[in-house]
Amino acid sequence: MSGTEETVIIMACPTCRRSVPWREESRYRPFCSERCKLIDLGAWADESHRIAGDSAYDDLSSEG
């Protein structure tokens, strides 16, 4: 094994589960493509994806 070899980590695209190498050349990492990246962004925008917990907005609206 020479000093120029690198270990490449292979990840699964969060959207379609396709294998994605984790390296600088992988433009959309952790996604496999711009399409999968935009699908994920859309899921956050329409609140299909959420972070569990109490809403900060609810706390602020109850103080008034």
C-alpha atoms as a PDB file:
ATOM      1  CA  MET A   1       0.000   0.000   0.000  1.00  0.00           C
ATOM      2  CA  SER A   2       1.499   3.353  -1.030  1.00  0.00           C
ATOM      3  CA  GLY A   3       1.055   6.704   0.702  1.00  0.00           C
ATOM      4  CA  THR A   4      -1.113   8.058  -2.140  1.00  0.00           C
ATOM      5  CA  GLU A   5      -4.005   5.629  -1.651  1.00  0.00           C
ATOM      6  CA  GLU A   6      -6.963   6.939   0.284  1.00  0.00           C
ATOM      7  CA  THR A   7      -9.803   5.143   1.981  1.00  0.00           C
ATOM      8  CA  VAL A   8     -13.118   6.210   0.513  1.00  0.00           C
ATOM      9  CA  ILE A   9     -16.164   6.053   2.741  1.00  0.00           C
ATOM     10  CA  ILE A  10     -19.314   4.949   0.954  1.00  0.00           C
ATOM     11  CA  MET A  11     -22.555   6.461   2.227  1.00  0.00           C
ATOM     12  CA  ALA A  12     -26.158   5.735   1.276  1.00  0.00           C
ATOM     13  CA  CYS A  13     -27.997   8.684  -0.272  1.00  0.00           C
ATOM     14  CA  PRO A  14     -30.603   9.745   2.330  1.00  0.00           C
ATOM     15  CA  THR A  15     -33.263  10.036  -0.389  1.00  0.00           C
ATOM     16  CA  CYS A  16     -32.828   7.050  -2.722  1.00  0.00           C
ATOM     17  CA  ARG A  17     -30.295   4.892  -0.794  1.00  0.00           C
ATOM     18  CA  ARG A  18     -27.863   4.773  -3.789  1.00  0.00           C
ATOM     19  CA  SER A  19     -24.181   4.417  -2.808  1.00  0.00           C
ATOM     20  CA  VAL A  20     -22.291   7.726  -2.726  1.00  0.00           C
ATOM     21  CA  PRO A  21     -18.520   8.017  -2.230  1.00  0.00           C
ATOM     22  CA  TRP A  22     -17.682  10.636   0.418  1.00  0.00           C
ATOM     23  CA  ARG A  23     -14.995  12.740  -1.264  1.00  0.00           C
ATOM     24  CA  GLU A  24     -14.441  16.278  -2.546  1.00  0.00           C
ATOM     25  CA  GLU A  25     -15.544  15.338  -6.068  1.00  0.00           C
ATOM     26  CA  SER A  26     -18.972  14.197  -4.801  1.00  0.00           C
ATOM     27  CA  ARG A  27     -20.671  17.514  -5.457  1.00  0.00           C
ATOM     28  CA  TYR A  28     -23.995  16.794  -3.750  1.00  0.00           C
ATOM     29  CA  ARG A  29     -22.812  14.661  -0.837  1.00  0.00           C
ATOM     30  CA  PRO A  30     -24.413  13.124   1.139  1.00  0.00           C
ATOM     31  CA  PHE A  31     -26.895  13.000  -1.743  1.00  0.00           C
ATOM     32  CA  CYS A  32     -26.182  11.233  -5.032  1.00  0.00           C
ATOM     33  CA  SER A  33     -27.575  14.006  -7.238  1.00  0.00           C
ATOM     34  CA  GLU A  34     -29.071  17.465  -7.267  1.00  0.00           C
ATOM     35  CA  ARG A  35     -32.497  15.837  -7.709  1.00  0.00           C
ATOM     36  CA  CYS A  36     -32.202  13.919  -4.433  1.00  0.00           C
ATOM     37  CA  LYS A  37     -30.878  17.038  -2.689  1.00  0.00           C
ATOM     38  CA  LEU A  38     -33.901  19.054  -3.867  1.00  0.00           C
ATOM     39  CA  ILE A  39     -36.351  16.306  -2.893  1.00  0.00           C
ATOM     40  CA  ASP A  40     -34.925  16.423   0.643  1.00  0.00           C
ATOM     41  CA  LEU A  41     -35.080  20.230   0.747  1.00  0.00           C
ATOM     42  CA  GLY A  42     -38.721  20.086  -0.349  1.00  0.00           C
ATOM     43  CA  ALA A  43     -39.526  17.626   2.434  1.00  0.00           C
ATOM     44  CA  TRP A  44     -38.106  20.086   5.003  1.00  0.00           C
ATOM     45  CA  ALA A  45     -39.966  22.996   3.375  1.00  0.00           C
ATOM     46  CA  ASP A  46     -43.361  21.271   3.501  1.00  0.00           C
ATOM     47  CA  GLU A  47     -42.584  20.018   7.030  1.00  0.00           C
ATOM     48  CA  SER A  48     -42.561  16.320   6.117  1.00  0.00           C
ATOM     49  CA  HIS A  49     -39.182  16.289   7.898  1.00  0.00           C
ATOM     50  CA  ARG A  50     -39.118  17.815  11.376  1.00  0.00           C
ATOM     51  CA  ILE A  51     -36.960  17.849  14.460  1.00  0.00           C
ATOM     52  CA  ALA A  52     -38.840  16.451  17.432  1.00  0.00           C
ATOM     53  CA  GLY A  53     -39.415  18.714  20.387  1.00  0.00           C
ATOM     54  CA  ASP A  54     -41.496  21.569  21.675  1.00  0.00           C
ATOM     55  CA  SER A  55     -41.962  24.481  19.316  1.00  0.00           C
ATOM     56  CA  ALA A  56     -40.196  27.704  20.294  1.00  0.00           C
ATOM     57  CA  TYR A  57     -43.069  29.579  18.621  1.00  0.00           C
ATOM     58  CA  ASP A  58     -45.574  28.029  21.041  1.00  0.00           C
ATOM     59  CA  ASP A  59     -43.463  29.214  23.997  1.00  0.00           C
ATOM     60  CA  LEU A  60     -43.337  32.779  22.678  1.00  0.00           C
ATOM     61  CA  SER A  61     -47.039  33.001  21.874  1.00  0.00           C
ATOM     62  CA  SER A  62     -48.073  31.843  25.370  1.00  0.00           C
ATOM     63  CA  GLU A  63     -46.045  34.601  27.097  1.00  0.00           C
ATOM     64  CA  GLY A  64     -48.076  37.500  25.656  1.00  0.00           C
END
